[in-house]
Amino acid sequence: ASGEWFVRMRGIPFHAREREIIEFFSRTNVLPMGVSVVYNQRDQPTGEAYVEFSNPLDMDRAMSLNKDSMGQRYVELFPTTRQDAMAALGVPGFNSNAGGRGGGGYGGGGGGYGGSG
């Protein structure tokens, strides 16, 4: 059973995509299970992303990068839940007040998200 090891990133550069976020976490030798950049209703990046980790140790190591920099910006990291992540990304079946929309390929090259949950 998959756990609840999600991190919300705030303040990422607007040009950052999944690859840059994976590179950011590679500083702690952690590979995220999935990355989703948050877009607004006009399909523009909001500077936020949700990242899923496979275990609590990886998440703890990832959280050590809180307030570290990505390009010219410093990035804030917040522990969050699958429910909050899915709602913020506008995934059907999760109540969303954010009005945002999730980015493209969720998951590290493993195809679509949401199969066996």
Foldseek 3Di string as FASTA:
>chain_A
DADWLKKKKAQAPQVDDPVLVQVLLCVLPFGFFWKKFKAAPVRGTPRMIMTHGRDPVSSVSSQVQAQPDRPPIGMHMDRDGPLVRCQRQVPPPHPHPNRIHIDPDIGDPPGHDDDPD
